[in-house]
Amino acid sequence: MPQVPPPFPQHLNVVVPPTPQALRNSIPDHTSWNFHKVFSEDLRYEHQMYGYVNAYLQAIFPQERWFLINPQYQMRPIVDNPDTAGDTSFGSLGGVHLARTQGSEGIGKEYPDFSVTKTFPRHLHQQHVQYLIALVEVKLFREEPNSETPEKAINQLTDYLEHASQFPNREDMLKGFVVSNEGYCCWQIMDIDDELEILPVRGEGEENRVLTDLFDSGSPFSRFLCDISIAHWNLADLP
């Protein structure tokens, strides 16, 4: 007996988005507490943070507004000239990629810890469509030889943003974040004189900081995320 799919979703209703403060206040207390606790502990492994970060992102980017939190989303290399590249396929972010039959498996692919997108329903057998609005990379810094450093983490994040800049389906000034036990930082794709650059986003007095306290007054990390969520609250298809 053929399977009956669920009803096709209705159009996303246009509503008045919450204020940033209201959205922050809507995060369940246990979610906020666990997020704060996990970044305040002396952990051994980075993966111990992932579940709590995922829950925090889910609270700020709710599924009912068609947000999607993609863990370890695969960013594949973009084909510059599809007409001469052989077999190609389309990705959900609008990029053209070499098909796996072309021996491209594992080459040039990157996996940010969390990619935040808006996802737009399509009928069966149609290509998935997503719109990238933020990247989040989780890091655990420890005082050990050859361990991760903030500088290495930032280089990794900017590599992700440079890769993401090639995708058609993305926020123009896409922000990426490193969030860690020592603080967070934000970097952004900027269009300067028709040239794309990836630059740090810092507040007043933070010009020389590599990382900012994650739980500074006003919770700047959550404020950034809430602003991104609200800006895309009513986005119902590709802009």
C-alpha atoms as a PDB file:
ATOM      1  CA  MET A   1       0.000   0.000   0.000  1.00  0.00           C
ATOM      2  CA  PRO A   2       1.533   3.362  -1.006  1.00  0.00           C
ATOM      3  CA  GLN A   3       2.501   5.709   1.783  1.00  0.00           C
ATOM      4  CA  VAL A   4       0.402   8.848   2.116  1.00  0.00           C
ATOM      5  CA  PRO A   5       2.561  11.933   2.739  1.00  0.00           C
ATOM      6  CA  PRO A   6       1.545  14.478   5.381  1.00  0.00           C
ATOM      7  CA  PRO A   7      -0.374  17.556   4.201  1.00  0.00           C
ATOM      8  CA  PHE A   8       1.683  20.097   2.291  1.00  0.00           C
ATOM      9  CA  PRO A   9       2.369  22.992   4.684  1.00  0.00           C
ATOM     10  CA  GLN A  10       0.313  26.121   4.453  1.00  0.00           C
ATOM     11  CA  HIS A  11       1.997  29.405   3.604  1.00  0.00           C
ATOM     12  CA  LEU A  12       3.915  30.986   6.450  1.00  0.00           C
ATOM     13  CA  ASN A  13       1.668  33.588   8.045  1.00  0.00           C
ATOM     14  CA  VAL A  14       3.008  37.118   8.279  1.00  0.00           C
ATOM     15  CA  VAL A  15       2.995  38.154  11.924  1.00  0.00           C
ATOM     16  CA  VAL A  16       4.480  40.909  14.028  1.00  0.00           C
ATOM     17  CA  PRO A  17       7.881  39.549  15.115  1.00  0.00           C
ATOM     18  CA  PRO A  18       8.782  39.630  18.796  1.00  0.00           C
ATOM     19  CA  THR A  19      11.150  42.255  20.099  1.00  0.00           C
ATOM     20  CA  PRO A  20      14.708  41.070  20.783  1.00  0.00           C
ATOM     21  CA  GLN A  21      14.031  41.212  24.525  1.00  0.00           C
ATOM     22  CA  ALA A  22      10.778  39.261  24.189  1.00  0.00           C
ATOM     23  CA  LEU A  23      12.497  36.590  22.107  1.00  0.00           C
ATOM     24  CA  ARG A  24      15.313  36.272  24.650  1.00  0.00           C
ATOM     25  CA  ASN A  25      12.754  36.045  27.453  1.00  0.00           C
ATOM     26  CA  SER A  26      10.960  33.237  25.601  1.00  0.00           C
ATOM     27  CA  ILE A  27      13.986  30.940  25.864  1.00  0.00           C
ATOM     28  CA  PRO A  28      13.014  28.288  28.445  1.00  0.00           C
ATOM     29  CA  ASP A  29      14.769  28.739  31.768  1.00  0.00           C
ATOM     30  CA  HIS A  30      16.238  25.238  31.678  1.00  0.00           C
ATOM     31  CA  THR A  31      17.653  25.876  28.188  1.00  0.00           C
ATOM     32  CA  SER A  32      19.322  29.124  29.255  1.00  0.00           C
ATOM     33  CA  TRP A  33      20.617  27.546  32.460  1.00  0.00           C
ATOM     34  CA  ASN A  34      22.089  24.505  30.715  1.00  0.00           C
ATOM     35  CA  PHE A  35      23.710  26.719  28.061  1.00  0.00           C
ATOM     36  CA  HIS A  36      25.294  28.908  30.742  1.00  0.00           C
ATOM     37  CA  LYS A  37      26.358  25.915  32.826  1.00  0.00           C
ATOM     38  CA  VAL A  38      28.047  23.967  30.032  1.00  0.00           C
ATOM     39  CA  PHE A  39      30.181  26.973  29.051  1.00  0.00           C
ATOM     40  CA  SER A  40      31.110  27.611  32.677  1.00  0.00           C
ATOM     41  CA  GLU A  41      32.401  24.107  33.428  1.00  0.00           C
ATOM     42  CA  ASP A  42      35.811  22.520  33.040  1.00  0.00           C
ATOM     43  CA  LEU A  43      34.858  20.082  30.296  1.00  0.00           C
ATOM     44  CA  ARG A  44      37.046  17.452  28.735  1.00  0.00           C
ATOM     45  CA  TYR A  45      35.453  17.105  25.304  1.00  0.00           C
ATOM     46  CA  GLU A  46      33.983  19.599  22.863  1.00  0.00           C
ATOM     47  CA  HIS A  47      31.089  17.331  21.904  1.00  0.00           C
ATOM     48  CA  GLN A  48      29.705  17.730  25.439  1.00  0.00           C
ATOM     49  CA  MET A  49      28.587  21.243  24.417  1.00  0.00           C
ATOM     50  CA  TYR A  50      26.752  20.379  21.214  1.00  0.00           C
ATOM     51  CA  GLY A  51      23.379  19.328  22.592  1.00  0.00           C
ATOM     52  CA  TYR A  52      23.041  22.417  24.773  1.00  0.00           C
ATOM     53  CA  VAL A  53      24.063  24.740  21.943  1.00  0.00           C
ATOM     54  CA  ASN A  54      21.571  23.037  19.635  1.00  0.00           C
ATOM     55  CA  ALA A  55      18.754  23.473  22.168  1.00  0.00           C
ATOM     56  CA  TYR A  56      19.666  27.156  22.600  1.00  0.00           C
ATOM     57  CA  LEU A  57      19.633  27.762  18.851  1.00  0.00           C
ATOM     58  CA  GLN A  58      16.310  25.917  18.492  1.00  0.00           C
ATOM     59  CA  ALA A  59      14.761  28.231  21.084  1.00  0.00           C
ATOM     60  CA  ILE A  60      15.877  31.374  19.239  1.00  0.00           C
ATOM     61  CA  PHE A  61      15.148  30.023  15.747  1.00  0.00           C
ATOM     62  CA  PRO A  62      11.812  28.175  16.194  1.00  0.00           C
ATOM     63  CA  GLN A  63      10.759  25.520  13.696  1.00  0.00           C
ATOM     64  CA  GLU A  64       7.256  26.955  13.398  1.00  0.00           C
ATOM     65  CA  ARG A  65       8.835  29.967  11.649  1.00  0.00           C
ATOM     66  CA  TRP A  66      10.546  27.556   9.197  1.00  0.00           C
ATOM     67  CA  PHE A  67      14.004  27.910  10.702  1.00  0.00           C
ATOM     68  CA  LEU A  68      16.266  24.876  10.529  1.00  0.00           C
ATOM     69  CA  ILE A  69      19.361  24.126  12.614  1.00  0.00           C
ATOM     70  CA  ASN A  70      21.692  21.964  10.510  1.00  0.00           C
ATOM     71  CA  PRO A  71      24.373  20.156  12.563  1.00  0.00           C
ATOM     72  CA  GLN A  72      27.547  19.538  10.544  1.00  0.00           C
ATOM     73  CA  TYR A  73      25.965  20.805   7.325  1.00  0.00           C
ATOM     74  CA  GLN A  74      28.120  19.746   4.382  1.00  0.00           C
ATOM     75  CA  MET A  75      29.364  22.728   2.384  1.00  0.00           C
ATOM     76  CA  ARG A  76      30.517  21.336  -0.950  1.00  0.00           C
ATOM     77  CA  PRO A  77      32.823  23.133  -3.415  1.00  0.00           C
ATOM     78  CA  ILE A  78      31.121  25.313  -6.011  1.00  0.00           C
ATOM     79  CA  VAL A  79      31.637  24.609  -9.722  1.00  0.00           C
ATOM     80  CA  ASP A  80      32.640  27.826 -11.494  1.00  0.00           C
ATOM     81  CA  ASN A  81      31.776  26.625 -15.004  1.00  0.00           C
ATOM     82  CA  PRO A  82      29.039  23.961 -14.873  1.00  0.00           C
ATOM     83  CA  ASP A  83      28.942  23.634 -18.680  1.00  0.00           C
ATOM     84  CA  THR A  84      32.440  22.117 -18.795  1.00  0.00           C
ATOM     85  CA  ALA A  85      32.582  20.362 -15.440  1.00  0.00           C
ATOM     86  CA  GLY A  86      30.925  17.058 -16.334  1.00  0.00           C
ATOM     87  CA  ASP A  87      28.166  15.623 -14.161  1.00  0.00           C
ATOM     88  CA  THR A  88      26.903  18.184 -11.663  1.00  0.00           C
ATOM     89  CA  SER A  89      24.179  18.488  -9.066  1.00  0.00           C
ATOM     90  CA  PHE A  90      22.400  21.351  -7.350  1.00  0.00           C
ATOM     91  CA  GLY A  91      22.592  21.923  -3.612  1.00  0.00           C
ATOM     92  CA  SER A  92      19.836  23.291  -1.403  1.00  0.00           C
ATOM     93  CA  LEU A  93      21.760  26.588  -1.023  1.00  0.00           C
ATOM     94  CA  GLY A  94      21.660  27.140  -4.782  1.00  0.00           C
ATOM     95  CA  GLY A  95      25.209  26.087  -5.601  1.00  0.00           C
ATOM     96  CA  VAL A  96      26.245  23.821  -8.468  1.00  0.00           C
ATOM     97  CA  HIS A  97      28.552  20.994  -7.384  1.00  0.00           C
ATOM     98  CA  LEU A  98      30.407  18.133  -8.994  1.00  0.00           C
ATOM     99  CA  ALA A  99      28.372  14.961  -8.768  1.00  0.00           C
ATOM    100  CA  ARG A 100      29.702  12.237  -6.511  1.00  0.00           C
ATOM    101  CA  THR A 101      30.228  10.110  -9.627  1.00  0.00           C
ATOM    102  CA  GLN A 102      32.999  12.556 -10.593  1.00  0.00           C
ATOM    103  CA  GLY A 103      35.249  11.399  -7.778  1.00  0.00           C
ATOM    104  CA  SER A 104      34.668  14.544  -5.728  1.00  0.00           C
ATOM    105  CA  GLU A 105      33.762  12.708  -2.524  1.00  0.00           C
ATOM    106  CA  GLY A 106      35.476  14.345   0.439  1.00  0.00           C
ATOM    107  CA  ILE A 107      37.423  16.905  -1.599  1.00  0.00           C
ATOM    108  CA  GLY A 108      37.153  20.535  -0.495  1.00  0.00           C
ATOM    109  CA  LYS A 109      34.156  19.919   1.755  1.00  0.00           C
ATOM    110  CA  GLU A 110      33.682  21.725   5.039  1.00  0.00           C
ATOM    111  CA  TYR A 111      31.391  21.029   7.988  1.00  0.00           C
ATOM    112  CA  PRO A 112      30.523  23.956  10.281  1.00  0.00           C
ATOM    113  CA  ASP A 113      29.172  22.735  13.608  1.00  0.00           C
ATOM    114  CA  PHE A 114      25.813  24.479  13.083  1.00  0.00           C
ATOM    115  CA  SER A 115      24.375  26.182  10.013  1.00  0.00           C
ATOM    116  CA  VAL A 116      21.176  28.154  10.635  1.00  0.00           C
ATOM    117  CA  THR A 117      18.865  28.386   7.634  1.00  0.00           C
ATOM    118  CA  LYS A 118      15.353  29.195   6.573  1.00  0.00           C
ATOM    119  CA  THR A 119      13.904  26.185   4.763  1.00  0.00           C
ATOM    120  CA  PHE A 120      11.105  26.550   2.216  1.00  0.00           C
ATOM    121  CA  PRO A 121       8.728  23.635   1.557  1.00  0.00           C
ATOM    122  CA  ARG A 122       8.829  22.133  -1.926  1.00  0.00           C
ATOM    123  CA  HIS A 123       6.733  19.330  -3.391  1.00  0.00           C
ATOM    124  CA  LEU A 124       7.960  15.750  -3.497  1.00  0.00           C
ATOM    125  CA  HIS A 125      10.763  15.141  -6.010  1.00  0.00           C
ATOM    126  CA  GLN A 126      11.630  18.842  -6.080  1.00  0.00           C
ATOM    127  CA  GLN A 127      14.992  20.111  -4.857  1.00  0.00           C
ATOM    128  CA  HIS A 128      15.192  21.179  -1.213  1.00  0.00           C
ATOM    129  CA  VAL A 129      15.672  24.940  -0.883  1.00  0.00           C
ATOM    130  CA  GLN A 130      17.396  26.610   2.058  1.00  0.00           C
ATOM    131  CA  TYR A 131      18.610  30.136   2.791  1.00  0.00           C
ATOM    132  CA  LEU A 132      21.690  30.460   4.971  1.00  0.00           C
ATOM    133  CA  ILE A 133      21.470  33.102   7.719  1.00  0.00           C
ATOM    134  CA  ALA A 134      24.194  32.203  10.269  1.00  0.00           C
ATOM    135  CA  LEU A 135      27.080  29.849  11.053  1.00  0.00           C
ATOM    136  CA  VAL A 136      28.042  28.763  14.573  1.00  0.00           C
ATOM    137  CA  GLU A 137      31.296  26.976  15.394  1.00  0.00           C
ATOM    138  CA  VAL A 138      31.699  25.504  18.900  1.00  0.00           C
ATOM    139  CA  LYS A 139      35.148  25.313  20.482  1.00  0.00           C
ATOM    140  CA  LEU A 140      36.665  24.060  23.725  1.00  0.00           C
ATOM    141  CA  PHE A 141      39.990  25.703  24.523  1.00  0.00           C
ATOM    142  CA  ARG A 142      42.292  23.913  26.956  1.00  0.00           C
ATOM    143  CA  GLU A 143      45.778  24.580  28.300  1.00  0.00           C
ATOM    144  CA  GLU A 144      47.338  21.599  26.574  1.00  0.00           C
ATOM    145  CA  PRO A 145      50.049  21.169  23.922  1.00  0.00           C
ATOM    146  CA  ASN A 146      48.779  21.331  20.328  1.00  0.00           C
ATOM    147  CA  SER A 147      45.252  22.164  21.474  1.00  0.00           C
ATOM    148  CA  GLU A 148      42.843  24.468  19.682  1.00  0.00           C
ATOM    149  CA  THR A 149      43.445  28.220  20.015  1.00  0.00           C
ATOM    150  CA  PRO A 150      41.134  31.197  19.408  1.00  0.00           C
ATOM    151  CA  GLU A 151      43.279  32.255  16.448  1.00  0.00           C
ATOM    152  CA  LYS A 152      42.971  28.825  14.808  1.00  0.00           C
ATOM    153  CA  ALA A 153      39.232  28.808  15.446  1.00  0.00           C
ATOM    154  CA  ILE A 154      38.814  32.227  13.842  1.00  0.00           C
ATOM    155  CA  ASN A 155      40.796  31.108  10.792  1.00  0.00           C
ATOM    156  CA  GLN A 156      38.492  28.115  10.503  1.00  0.00           C
ATOM    157  CA  LEU A 157      35.394  30.305  10.811  1.00  0.00           C
ATOM    158  CA  THR A 158      36.590  32.785   8.183  1.00  0.00           C
ATOM    159  CA  ASP A 159      37.319  29.852   5.845  1.00  0.00           C
ATOM    160  CA  TYR A 160      33.712  28.733   6.318  1.00  0.00           C
ATOM    161  CA  LEU A 161      32.414  32.239   5.606  1.00  0.00           C
ATOM    162  CA  GLU A 162      34.579  32.526   2.499  1.00  0.00           C
ATOM    163  CA  HIS A 163      33.183  29.212   1.277  1.00  0.00           C
ATOM    164  CA  ALA A 164      29.627  30.262   2.136  1.00  0.00           C
ATOM    165  CA  SER A 165      30.050  33.536   0.234  1.00  0.00           C
ATOM    166  CA  GLN A 166      29.884  31.522  -2.999  1.00  0.00           C
ATOM    167  CA  PHE A 167      26.370  30.229  -2.318  1.00  0.00           C
ATOM    168  CA  PRO A 168      23.514  32.127  -3.998  1.00  0.00           C
ATOM    169  CA  ASN A 169      21.016  31.342  -1.218  1.00  0.00           C
ATOM    170  CA  ARG A 170      22.472  33.232   1.719  1.00  0.00           C
ATOM    171  CA  GLU A 171      22.140  36.412   3.704  1.00  0.00           C
ATOM    172  CA  ASP A 172      24.191  39.122   1.986  1.00  0.00           C
ATOM    173  CA  MET A 173      26.014  40.108   5.168  1.00  0.00           C
ATOM    174  CA  LEU A 174      26.193  36.612   6.607  1.00  0.00           C
ATOM    175  CA  LYS A 175      27.462  36.397  10.188  1.00  0.00           C
ATOM    176  CA  GLY A 176      29.480  33.552  11.654  1.00  0.00           C
ATOM    177  CA  PHE A 177      30.257  32.928  15.315  1.00  0.00           C
ATOM    178  CA  VAL A 178      32.858  31.088  17.337  1.00  0.00           C
ATOM    179  CA  VAL A 179      31.318  30.237  20.712  1.00  0.00           C
ATOM    180  CA  SER A 180      33.605  28.756  23.338  1.00  0.00           C
ATOM    181  CA  ASN A 181      34.392  28.314  27.017  1.00  0.00           C
ATOM    182  CA  GLU A 182      36.539  31.465  26.778  1.00  0.00           C
ATOM    183  CA  GLY A 183      33.987  33.683  25.039  1.00  0.00           C
ATOM    184  CA  TYR A 184      32.668  34.299  21.556  1.00  0.00           C
ATOM    185  CA  CYS A 185      33.448  36.325  18.463  1.00  0.00           C
ATOM    186  CA  CYS A 186      31.454  37.373  15.423  1.00  0.00           C
ATOM    187  CA  TRP A 187      32.717  37.775  11.864  1.00  0.00           C
ATOM    188  CA  GLN A 188      30.708  38.938   8.877  1.00  0.00           C
ATOM    189  CA  ILE A 189      30.792  38.969   5.083  1.00  0.00           C
ATOM    190  CA  MET A 190      30.934  42.600   3.958  1.00  0.00           C
ATOM    191  CA  ASP A 191      30.672  44.152   0.495  1.00  0.00           C
ATOM    192  CA  ILE A 192      33.268  46.934   0.344  1.00  0.00           C
ATOM    193  CA  ASP A 193      33.662  48.698  -3.005  1.00  0.00           C
ATOM    194  CA  ASP A 194      32.157  45.664  -4.771  1.00  0.00           C
ATOM    195  CA  GLU A 195      34.691  43.361  -3.113  1.00  0.00           C
ATOM    196  CA  LEU A 196      33.639  40.780  -0.540  1.00  0.00           C
ATOM    197  CA  GLU A 197      35.639  40.908   2.673  1.00  0.00           C
ATOM    198  CA  ILE A 198      35.271  38.998   5.929  1.00  0.00           C
ATOM    199  CA  LEU A 199      35.654  41.302   8.899  1.00  0.00           C
ATOM    200  CA  PRO A 200      35.186  41.119  12.682  1.00  0.00           C
ATOM    201  CA  VAL A 201      32.088  42.627  14.273  1.00  0.00           C
ATOM    202  CA  ARG A 202      33.071  44.277  17.539  1.00  0.00           C
ATOM    203  CA  GLY A 203      31.385  46.687  19.895  1.00  0.00           C
ATOM    204  CA  GLU A 204      32.748  49.850  21.399  1.00  0.00           C
ATOM    205  CA  GLY A 205      35.794  49.106  23.527  1.00  0.00           C
ATOM    206  CA  GLU A 206      36.233  45.647  21.980  1.00  0.00           C
ATOM    207  CA  GLU A 207      38.528  46.665  19.122  1.00  0.00           C
ATOM    208  CA  ASN A 208      41.494  44.723  20.488  1.00  0.00           C
ATOM    209  CA  ARG A 209      39.623  41.737  21.882  1.00  0.00           C
ATOM    210  CA  VAL A 210      39.891  38.359  20.205  1.00  0.00           C
ATOM    211  CA  LEU A 211      36.958  36.960  22.207  1.00  0.00           C
ATOM    212  CA  THR A 212      34.165  38.683  24.139  1.00  0.00           C
ATOM    213  CA  ASP A 213      32.662  37.348  27.361  1.00  0.00           C
ATOM    214  CA  LEU A 214      29.762  35.113  26.360  1.00  0.00           C
ATOM    215  CA  PHE A 215      27.652  36.273  29.305  1.00  0.00           C
ATOM    216  CA  ASP A 216      28.570  39.955  29.386  1.00  0.00           C
ATOM    217  CA  SER A 217      25.850  42.361  30.488  1.00  0.00           C
ATOM    218  CA  GLY A 218      23.045  42.233  27.965  1.00  0.00           C
ATOM    219  CA  SER A 219      24.065  38.792  26.653  1.00  0.00           C
ATOM    220  CA  PRO A 220      25.567  40.104  23.387  1.00  0.00           C
ATOM    221  CA  PHE A 221      25.815  36.652  21.777  1.00  0.00           C
ATOM    222  CA  SER A 222      22.109  35.945  22.255  1.00  0.00           C
ATOM    223  CA  ARG A 223      21.283  39.488  21.142  1.00  0.00           C
ATOM    224  CA  PHE A 224      23.099  38.920  17.848  1.00  0.00           C
ATOM    225  CA  LEU A 225      21.187  35.676  17.307  1.00  0.00           C
ATOM    226  CA  CYS A 226      17.828  37.221  18.216  1.00  0.00           C
ATOM    227  CA  ASP A 227      18.386  40.077  15.773  1.00  0.00           C
ATOM    228  CA  ILE A 228      19.123  37.576  12.985  1.00  0.00           C
ATOM    229  CA  SER A 229      16.029  35.534  13.841  1.00  0.00           C
ATOM    230  CA  ILE A 230      13.726  38.553  13.928  1.00  0.00           C
ATOM    231  CA  ALA A 231      15.084  39.887  10.624  1.00  0.00           C
ATOM    232  CA  HIS A 232      14.021  36.622   8.940  1.00  0.00           C
ATOM    233  CA  TRP A 233      10.898  35.879  11.009  1.00  0.00           C
ATOM    234  CA  ASN A 234       8.471  36.302   8.089  1.00  0.00           C
ATOM    235  CA  LEU A 235      10.744  35.151   5.253  1.00  0.00           C
ATOM    236  CA  ALA A 236       8.623  32.593   3.392  1.00  0.00           C
ATOM    237  CA  ASP A 237      10.717  32.040   0.252  1.00  0.00           C
ATOM    238  CA  LEU A 238      13.972  33.084  -1.334  1.00  0.00           C
ATOM    239  CA  PRO A 239      14.317  36.885  -1.288  1.00  0.00           C
END
